[in-house]
Amino acid sequence: MAGKFEIYQDPSGGFRFCFSADNGQIIPSPETYRTEDEARERVDSLRSNVSPRSRPTD
């Protein structure tokens, strides 16, 4: 998967992540996680379950 994930703490104290694609598009996480570890677990899950082959082709 190209691009990168960034985990950050939001103003309410929860943790979120966003994905920055190689084309500059930023996709924020819709959820807030209580701990940084929970956010990291979600990012790891996305990395392991999303494959370029799962994308639709034209």
PDB file of N, CA and C in Angstrom:
ATOM      1  N   MET A   1       0.853  -1.163   0.000  1.00  0.00           N
ATOM      2  CA  MET A   1       0.000   0.000   0.000  1.00  0.00           C
ATOM      3  C   MET A   1       0.903   1.230   0.000  1.00  0.00           C
ATOM      4  N   ALA A   2       0.703   2.081  -0.940  1.00  0.00           N
ATOM      5  CA  ALA A   2       1.465   3.318  -1.008  1.00  0.00           C
ATOM      6  C   ALA A   2       0.836   4.349  -0.075  1.00  0.00           C
ATOM      7  N   GLY A   3       1.561   5.397   0.205  1.00  0.00           N
ATOM      8  CA  GLY A   3       1.050   6.413   1.123  1.00  0.00           C
ATOM      9  C   GLY A   3       1.491   6.104   2.542  1.00  0.00           C
ATOM     10  N   LYS A   4       0.981   6.916   3.492  1.00  0.00           N
ATOM     11  CA  LYS A   4       1.374   6.667   4.883  1.00  0.00           C
ATOM     12  C   LYS A   4       0.251   7.038   5.840  1.00  0.00           C
ATOM     13  N   PHE A   5       0.257   6.371   6.976  1.00  0.00           N
ATOM     14  CA  PHE A   5      -0.686   6.643   8.049  1.00  0.00           C
ATOM     15  C   PHE A   5      -0.012   7.522   9.084  1.00  0.00           C
ATOM     16  N   GLU A   6      -0.795   8.418   9.682  1.00  0.00           N
ATOM     17  CA  GLU A   6      -0.304   9.250  10.776  1.00  0.00           C
ATOM     18  C   GLU A   6      -1.319   9.160  11.909  1.00  0.00           C
ATOM     19  N   ILE A   7      -0.841   8.843  13.097  1.00  0.00           N
ATOM     20  CA  ILE A   7      -1.694   8.788  14.291  1.00  0.00           C
ATOM     21  C   ILE A   7      -1.449  10.066  15.082  1.00  0.00           C
ATOM     22  N   TYR A   8      -2.531  10.682  15.533  1.00  0.00           N
ATOM     23  CA  TYR A   8      -2.396  11.939  16.278  1.00  0.00           C
ATOM     24  C   TYR A   8      -3.460  12.011  17.370  1.00  0.00           C
ATOM     25  N   GLN A   9      -3.210  12.863  18.358  1.00  0.00           N
ATOM     26  CA  GLN A   9      -4.159  13.074  19.446  1.00  0.00           C
ATOM     27  C   GLN A   9      -5.011  14.289  19.114  1.00  0.00           C
ATOM     28  N   ASP A  10      -6.331  14.117  19.172  1.00  0.00           N
ATOM     29  CA  ASP A  10      -7.224  15.232  18.846  1.00  0.00           C
ATOM     30  C   ASP A  10      -7.451  16.113  20.075  1.00  0.00           C
ATOM     31  N   PRO A  11      -8.105  17.254  19.912  1.00  0.00           N
ATOM     32  CA  PRO A  11      -8.286  18.191  21.035  1.00  0.00           C
ATOM     33  C   PRO A  11      -9.048  17.607  22.229  1.00  0.00           C
ATOM     34  N   SER A  12      -9.874  16.584  22.004  1.00  0.00           N
ATOM     35  CA  SER A  12     -10.625  15.980  23.112  1.00  0.00           C
ATOM     36  C   SER A  12      -9.809  14.949  23.887  1.00  0.00           C
ATOM     37  N   GLY A  13      -8.573  14.681  23.414  1.00  0.00           N
ATOM     38  CA  GLY A  13      -7.715  13.718  24.103  1.00  0.00           C
ATOM     39  C   GLY A  13      -7.749  12.333  23.496  1.00  0.00           C
ATOM     40  N   GLY A  14      -8.643  12.087  22.539  1.00  0.00           N
ATOM     41  CA  GLY A  14      -8.703  10.798  21.861  1.00  0.00           C
ATOM     42  C   GLY A  14      -7.658  10.720  20.758  1.00  0.00           C
ATOM     43  N   PHE A  15      -7.511   9.534  20.198  1.00  0.00           N
ATOM     44  CA  PHE A  15      -6.531   9.342  19.134  1.00  0.00           C
ATOM     45  C   PHE A  15      -7.241   9.022  17.837  1.00  0.00           C
ATOM     46  N   ARG A  16      -6.725   9.581  16.774  1.00  0.00           N
ATOM     47  CA  ARG A  16      -7.253   9.375  15.428  1.00  0.00           C
ATOM     48  C   ARG A  16      -6.086   9.089  14.502  1.00  0.00           C
ATOM     49  N   PHE A  17      -6.406   8.673  13.297  1.00  0.00           N
ATOM     50  CA  PHE A  17      -5.365   8.541  12.296  1.00  0.00           C
ATOM     51  C   PHE A  17      -5.885   9.085  10.983  1.00  0.00           C
ATOM     52  N   CYS A  18      -4.963   9.410  10.121  1.00  0.00           N
ATOM     53  CA  CYS A  18      -5.331   9.793   8.765  1.00  0.00           C
ATOM     54  C   CYS A  18      -4.370   9.088   7.822  1.00  0.00           C
ATOM     55  N   PHE A  19      -4.832   8.902   6.609  1.00  0.00           N
ATOM     56  CA  PHE A  19      -4.022   8.292   5.573  1.00  0.00           C
ATOM     57  C   PHE A  19      -3.690   9.361   4.554  1.00  0.00           C
ATOM     58  N   SER A  20      -2.419   9.533   4.277  1.00  0.00           N
ATOM     59  CA  SER A  20      -1.974  10.492   3.264  1.00  0.00           C
ATOM     60  C   SER A  20      -1.534   9.701   2.043  1.00  0.00           C
ATOM     61  N   ALA A  21      -2.296   9.820   0.962  1.00  0.00           N
ATOM     62  CA  ALA A  21      -1.993   9.099  -0.266  1.00  0.00           C
ATOM     63  C   ALA A  21      -0.845   9.777  -1.009  1.00  0.00           C
ATOM     64  N   ASP A  22      -0.220   9.023  -1.896  1.00  0.00           N
ATOM     65  CA  ASP A  22       0.887   9.562  -2.680  1.00  0.00           C
ATOM     66  C   ASP A  22       0.472  10.750  -3.544  1.00  0.00           C
ATOM     67  N   ASN A  23      -0.815  10.822  -3.896  1.00  0.00           N
ATOM     68  CA  ASN A  23      -1.289  11.926  -4.737  1.00  0.00           C
ATOM     69  C   ASN A  23      -1.643  13.171  -3.924  1.00  0.00           C
ATOM     70  N   GLY A  24      -1.398  13.137  -2.597  1.00  0.00           N
ATOM     71  CA  GLY A  24      -1.648  14.283  -1.741  1.00  0.00           C
ATOM     72  C   GLY A  24      -3.004  14.277  -1.051  1.00  0.00           C
ATOM     73  N   GLN A  25      -3.877  13.344  -1.432  1.00  0.00           N
ATOM     74  CA  GLN A  25      -5.192  13.268  -0.798  1.00  0.00           C
ATOM     75  C   GLN A  25      -5.034  12.760   0.632  1.00  0.00           C
ATOM     76  N   ILE A  26      -5.740  13.399   1.563  1.00  0.00           N
ATOM     77  CA  ILE A  26      -5.708  13.000   2.970  1.00  0.00           C
ATOM     78  C   ILE A  26      -7.086  12.468   3.345  1.00  0.00           C
ATOM     79  N   ILE A  27      -7.099  11.248   3.892  1.00  0.00           N
ATOM     80  CA  ILE A  27      -8.353  10.603   4.287  1.00  0.00           C
ATOM     81  C   ILE A  27      -8.320  10.433   5.805  1.00  0.00           C
ATOM     82  N   PRO A  28      -9.179  11.170   6.529  1.00  0.00           N
ATOM     83  CA  PRO A  28      -9.178  11.065   7.993  1.00  0.00           C
ATOM     84  C   PRO A  28      -9.964   9.851   8.481  1.00  0.00           C
ATOM     85  N   SER A  29      -9.625   9.387   9.662  1.00  0.00           N
ATOM     86  CA  SER A  29     -10.370   8.311  10.315  1.00  0.00           C
ATOM     87  C   SER A  29     -11.691   8.867  10.828  1.00  0.00           C
ATOM     88  N   PRO A  30     -12.783   8.141  10.626  1.00  0.00           N
ATOM     89  CA  PRO A  30     -14.064   8.625  11.146  1.00  0.00           C
ATOM     90  C   PRO A  30     -14.244   8.346  12.644  1.00  0.00           C
ATOM     91  N   GLU A  31     -13.360   7.539  13.213  1.00  0.00           N
ATOM     92  CA  GLU A  31     -13.504   7.132  14.609  1.00  0.00           C
ATOM     93  C   GLU A  31     -12.428   7.750  15.488  1.00  0.00           C
ATOM     94  N   THR A  32     -12.751   7.855  16.774  1.00  0.00           N
ATOM     95  CA  THR A  32     -11.778   8.266  17.785  1.00  0.00           C
ATOM     96  C   THR A  32     -11.493   7.055  18.656  1.00  0.00           C
ATOM     97  N   TYR A  33     -10.241   6.836  18.972  1.00  0.00           N
ATOM     98  CA  TYR A  33      -9.824   5.699  19.802  1.00  0.00           C
ATOM     99  C   TYR A  33      -9.346   6.224  21.146  1.00  0.00           C
ATOM    100  N   ARG A  34      -9.587   5.436  22.204  1.00  0.00           N
ATOM    101  CA  ARG A  34      -9.229   5.880  23.554  1.00  0.00           C
ATOM    102  C   ARG A  34      -7.729   5.954  23.774  1.00  0.00           C
ATOM    103  N   THR A  35      -6.996   5.036  23.131  1.00  0.00           N
ATOM    104  CA  THR A  35      -5.545   5.007  23.321  1.00  0.00           C
ATOM    105  C   THR A  35      -4.840   4.991  21.969  1.00  0.00           C
ATOM    106  N   GLU A  36      -3.573   5.370  22.000  1.00  0.00           N
ATOM    107  CA  GLU A  36      -2.769   5.329  20.775  1.00  0.00           C
ATOM    108  C   GLU A  36      -2.614   3.889  20.300  1.00  0.00           C
ATOM    109  N   ASP A  37      -2.519   2.945  21.247  1.00  0.00           N
ATOM    110  CA  ASP A  37      -2.399   1.535  20.868  1.00  0.00           C
ATOM    111  C   ASP A  37      -3.626   1.046  20.104  1.00  0.00           C
ATOM    112  N   GLU A  38      -4.827   1.482  20.512  1.00  0.00           N
ATOM    113  CA  GLU A  38      -6.043   1.091  19.786  1.00  0.00           C
ATOM    114  C   GLU A  38      -6.016   1.639  18.356  1.00  0.00           C
ATOM    115  N   ALA A  39      -5.592   2.871  18.194  1.00  0.00           N
ATOM    116  CA  ALA A  39      -5.496   3.464  16.856  1.00  0.00           C
ATOM    117  C   ALA A  39      -4.461   2.708  16.027  1.00  0.00           C
ATOM    118  N   ARG A  40      -3.332   2.375  16.636  1.00  0.00           N
ATOM    119  CA  ARG A  40      -2.283   1.642  15.924  1.00  0.00           C
ATOM    120  C   ARG A  40      -2.765   0.251  15.505  1.00  0.00           C
ATOM    121  N   GLU A  41      -3.542  -0.414  16.363  1.00  0.00           N
ATOM    122  CA  GLU A  41      -4.089  -1.731  16.020  1.00  0.00           C
ATOM    123  C   GLU A  41      -4.995  -1.633  14.794  1.00  0.00           C
ATOM    124  N   ARG A  42      -5.791  -0.571  14.723  1.00  0.00           N
ATOM    125  CA  ARG A  42      -6.689  -0.377  13.573  1.00  0.00           C
ATOM    126  C   ARG A  42      -5.882  -0.127  12.302  1.00  0.00           C
ATOM    127  N   VAL A  43      -4.844   0.692  12.399  1.00  0.00           N
ATOM    128  CA  VAL A  43      -3.980   0.952  11.247  1.00  0.00           C
ATOM    129  C   VAL A  43      -3.329  -0.360  10.787  1.00  0.00           C
ATOM    130  N   ASP A  44      -2.818  -1.148  11.728  1.00  0.00           N
ATOM    131  CA  ASP A  44      -2.201  -2.432  11.378  1.00  0.00           C
ATOM    132  C   ASP A  44      -3.204  -3.359  10.700  1.00  0.00           C
ATOM    133  N   SER A  45      -4.441  -3.352  11.182  1.00  0.00           N
ATOM    134  CA  SER A  45      -5.492  -4.171  10.575  1.00  0.00           C
ATOM    135  C   SER A  45      -5.767  -3.726   9.144  1.00  0.00           C
ATOM    136  N   LEU A  46      -5.850  -2.427   8.935  1.00  0.00           N
ATOM    137  CA  LEU A  46      -6.066  -1.918   7.574  1.00  0.00           C
ATOM    138  C   LEU A  46      -4.916  -2.309   6.654  1.00  0.00           C
ATOM    139  N   ARG A  47      -3.710  -2.170   7.144  1.00  0.00           N
ATOM    140  CA  ARG A  47      -2.538  -2.522   6.325  1.00  0.00           C
ATOM    141  C   ARG A  47      -2.570  -3.991   5.919  1.00  0.00           C
ATOM    142  N   SER A  48      -2.975  -4.866   6.829  1.00  0.00           N
ATOM    143  CA  SER A  48      -2.941  -6.297   6.528  1.00  0.00           C
ATOM    144  C   SER A  48      -4.160  -6.779   5.734  1.00  0.00           C
ATOM    145  N   ASN A  49      -5.271  -6.032   5.769  1.00  0.00           N
ATOM    146  CA  ASN A  49      -6.487  -6.490   5.104  1.00  0.00           C
ATOM    147  C   ASN A  49      -6.810  -5.803   3.782  1.00  0.00           C
ATOM    148  N   VAL A  50      -6.124  -4.723   3.471  1.00  0.00           N
ATOM    149  CA  VAL A  50      -6.380  -4.006   2.231  1.00  0.00           C
ATOM    150  C   VAL A  50      -5.290  -4.376   1.235  1.00  0.00           C
ATOM    151  N   SER A  51      -5.736  -4.853   0.102  1.00  0.00           N
ATOM    152  CA  SER A  51      -4.802  -5.262  -0.935  1.00  0.00           C
ATOM    153  C   SER A  51      -5.068  -4.467  -2.200  1.00  0.00           C
ATOM    154  N   PRO A  52      -4.029  -4.111  -2.942  1.00  0.00           N
ATOM    155  CA  PRO A  52      -4.272  -3.429  -4.223  1.00  0.00           C
ATOM    156  C   PRO A  52      -5.141  -4.259  -5.157  1.00  0.00           C
ATOM    157  N   ARG A  53      -5.113  -5.570  -5.004  1.00  0.00           N
ATOM    158  CA  ARG A  53      -5.932  -6.433  -5.854  1.00  0.00           C
ATOM    159  C   ARG A  53      -7.417  -6.322  -5.536  1.00  0.00           C
ATOM    160  N   SER A  54      -7.753  -5.787  -4.365  1.00  0.00           N
ATOM    161  CA  SER A  54      -9.170  -5.667  -3.985  1.00  0.00           C
ATOM    162  C   SER A  54      -9.827  -4.442  -4.578  1.00  0.00           C
ATOM    163  N   ARG A  55      -9.048  -3.586  -5.218  1.00  0.00           N
ATOM    164  CA  ARG A  55      -9.605  -2.383  -5.824  1.00  0.00           C
ATOM    165  C   ARG A  55     -10.303  -2.714  -7.142  1.00  0.00           C
ATOM    166  N   PRO A  56     -11.423  -2.077  -7.391  1.00  0.00           N
ATOM    167  CA  PRO A  56     -12.100  -2.334  -8.670  1.00  0.00           C
ATOM    168  C   PRO A  56     -11.274  -1.817  -9.841  1.00  0.00           C
ATOM    169  N   THR A  57     -11.392  -2.478 -10.948  1.00  0.00           N
ATOM    170  CA  THR A  57     -10.718  -2.032 -12.164  1.00  0.00           C
ATOM    171  C   THR A  57     -11.731  -1.488 -13.144  1.00  0.00           C
ATOM    172  N   ASP A  58     -11.299  -0.607 -14.007  1.00  0.00           N
ATOM    173  CA  ASP A  58     -12.203  -0.009 -15.003  1.00  0.00           C
ATOM    174  C   ASP A  58     -12.400  -0.921 -16.180  1.00  0.00           C
TER     175      ASP A  58
END
